Amino acid sequence: MRTYFQSYHRPELGLDYYGITIIPNESLSMFYEIVTQSRAFPRSEELSDLARLIIQAEREGKDLVHFGI
């Protein structure tokens, strides 16, 4: 999944576990698939909320920001 670490000047792949990751709109469909295919998804309210947020951002043409784990 194409992302950026800290700023749009640092292209990367995946999530930065200890820093800020910018997930561009064009990567949101892949991020959605990763989230919803998780074995924990059916019983996780947090993952369901995240999936809804991904859909909203994708519809609005926005990027998502991940602040590490």
C-alpha atoms as a PDB file:
ATOM      1  CA  MET A   1       0.000   0.000   0.000  1.00  0.00           C
ATOM      2  CA  ARG A   2       1.532   3.293  -1.114  1.00  0.00           C
ATOM      3  CA  THR A   3       1.862   5.798   1.739  1.00  0.00           C
ATOM      4  CA  TYR A   4       4.000   8.678   2.969  1.00  0.00           C
ATOM      5  CA  PHE A   5       5.928   8.871   6.238  1.00  0.00           C
ATOM      6  CA  GLN A   6       5.821  12.227   8.077  1.00  0.00           C
ATOM      7  CA  SER A   7       5.186  14.299   4.889  1.00  0.00           C
ATOM      8  CA  TYR A   8       4.367  14.016   1.196  1.00  0.00           C
ATOM      9  CA  HIS A   9       8.129  14.259   0.521  1.00  0.00           C
ATOM     10  CA  ARG A  10       8.798  10.747   1.924  1.00  0.00           C
ATOM     11  CA  PRO A  11       7.018   8.076  -0.145  1.00  0.00           C
ATOM     12  CA  GLU A  12       6.932   4.635   1.478  1.00  0.00           C
ATOM     13  CA  LEU A  13       4.921   1.439   1.614  1.00  0.00           C
ATOM     14  CA  GLY A  14       2.775   0.377   4.573  1.00  0.00           C
ATOM     15  CA  LEU A  15       2.385   2.035   7.963  1.00  0.00           C
ATOM     16  CA  ASP A  16       4.991   3.756  10.114  1.00  0.00           C
ATOM     17  CA  TYR A  17       4.477   2.060  13.466  1.00  0.00           C
ATOM     18  CA  TYR A  18       6.244   4.804  15.445  1.00  0.00           C
ATOM     19  CA  GLY A  19       5.430   7.940  13.487  1.00  0.00           C
ATOM     20  CA  ILE A  20       2.919   9.611  11.224  1.00  0.00           C
ATOM     21  CA  THR A  21       1.717   7.896   8.058  1.00  0.00           C
ATOM     22  CA  ILE A  22      -0.283   9.711   5.409  1.00  0.00           C
ATOM     23  CA  ILE A  23      -2.513   7.309   3.494  1.00  0.00           C
ATOM     24  CA  PRO A  24      -3.390   8.972   0.176  1.00  0.00           C
ATOM     25  CA  ASN A  25      -6.879   8.678  -1.239  1.00  0.00           C
ATOM     26  CA  GLU A  26      -5.691   6.369  -4.029  1.00  0.00           C
ATOM     27  CA  SER A  27      -4.510   3.828  -1.403  1.00  0.00           C
ATOM     28  CA  LEU A  28      -7.714   3.840   0.636  1.00  0.00           C
ATOM     29  CA  SER A  29      -9.400   0.982  -1.247  1.00  0.00           C
ATOM     30  CA  MET A  30      -6.446  -1.285  -0.478  1.00  0.00           C
ATOM     31  CA  PHE A  31      -6.402  -0.123   3.156  1.00  0.00           C
ATOM     32  CA  TYR A  32     -10.140  -0.886   3.374  1.00  0.00           C
ATOM     33  CA  GLU A  33      -9.551  -4.408   2.061  1.00  0.00           C
ATOM     34  CA  ILE A  34      -6.766  -4.992   4.588  1.00  0.00           C
ATOM     35  CA  VAL A  35      -8.947  -3.778   7.479  1.00  0.00           C
ATOM     36  CA  THR A  36     -12.097  -5.673   6.490  1.00  0.00           C
ATOM     37  CA  GLN A  37     -10.246  -8.926   5.731  1.00  0.00           C
ATOM     38  CA  SER A  38      -8.736  -9.015   9.207  1.00  0.00           C
ATOM     39  CA  ARG A  39      -9.850 -12.022  11.256  1.00  0.00           C
ATOM     40  CA  ALA A  40     -10.714  -9.614  14.083  1.00  0.00           C
ATOM     41  CA  PHE A  41     -12.954  -7.419  11.895  1.00  0.00           C
ATOM     42  CA  PRO A  42     -16.282  -9.227  12.511  1.00  0.00           C
ATOM     43  CA  ARG A  43     -16.066  -8.675  16.271  1.00  0.00           C
ATOM     44  CA  SER A  44     -14.195  -5.369  16.459  1.00  0.00           C
ATOM     45  CA  GLU A  45     -16.149  -2.158  16.819  1.00  0.00           C
ATOM     46  CA  GLU A  46     -12.916  -0.183  16.363  1.00  0.00           C
ATOM     47  CA  LEU A  47     -12.158  -1.825  13.013  1.00  0.00           C
ATOM     48  CA  SER A  48     -15.767  -1.265  11.905  1.00  0.00           C
ATOM     49  CA  ASP A  49     -15.425   2.414  12.811  1.00  0.00           C
ATOM     50  CA  LEU A  50     -12.147   2.577  10.880  1.00  0.00           C
ATOM     51  CA  ALA A  51     -13.765   0.958   7.826  1.00  0.00           C
ATOM     52  CA  ARG A  52     -16.539   3.583   7.912  1.00  0.00           C
ATOM     53  CA  LEU A  53     -13.934   6.357   8.190  1.00  0.00           C
ATOM     54  CA  ILE A  54     -12.030   4.958   5.198  1.00  0.00           C
ATOM     55  CA  ILE A  55     -15.231   4.906   3.120  1.00  0.00           C
ATOM     56  CA  GLN A  56     -16.040   8.489   4.131  1.00  0.00           C
ATOM     57  CA  ALA A  57     -12.544   9.743   3.281  1.00  0.00           C
ATOM     58  CA  GLU A  58     -12.607   7.951  -0.058  1.00  0.00           C
ATOM     59  CA  ARG A  59     -15.984   9.493  -0.964  1.00  0.00           C
ATOM     60  CA  GLU A  60     -14.822  12.964   0.043  1.00  0.00           C
ATOM     61  CA  GLY A  61     -11.513  12.682  -1.806  1.00  0.00           C
ATOM     62  CA  LYS A  62      -9.484  13.031   1.401  1.00  0.00           C
ATOM     63  CA  ASP A  63      -6.357  11.330   2.716  1.00  0.00           C
ATOM     64  CA  LEU A  64      -6.138   9.621   6.120  1.00  0.00           C
ATOM     65  CA  VAL A  65      -3.466  10.194   8.737  1.00  0.00           C
ATOM     66  CA  HIS A  66      -2.239   7.346  10.964  1.00  0.00           C
ATOM     67  CA  PHE A  67      -0.393   8.346  14.133  1.00  0.00           C
ATOM     68  CA  GLY A  68       1.391   5.081  14.908  1.00  0.00           C
ATOM     69  CA  ILE A  69       0.460   2.122  17.017  1.00  0.00           C
END
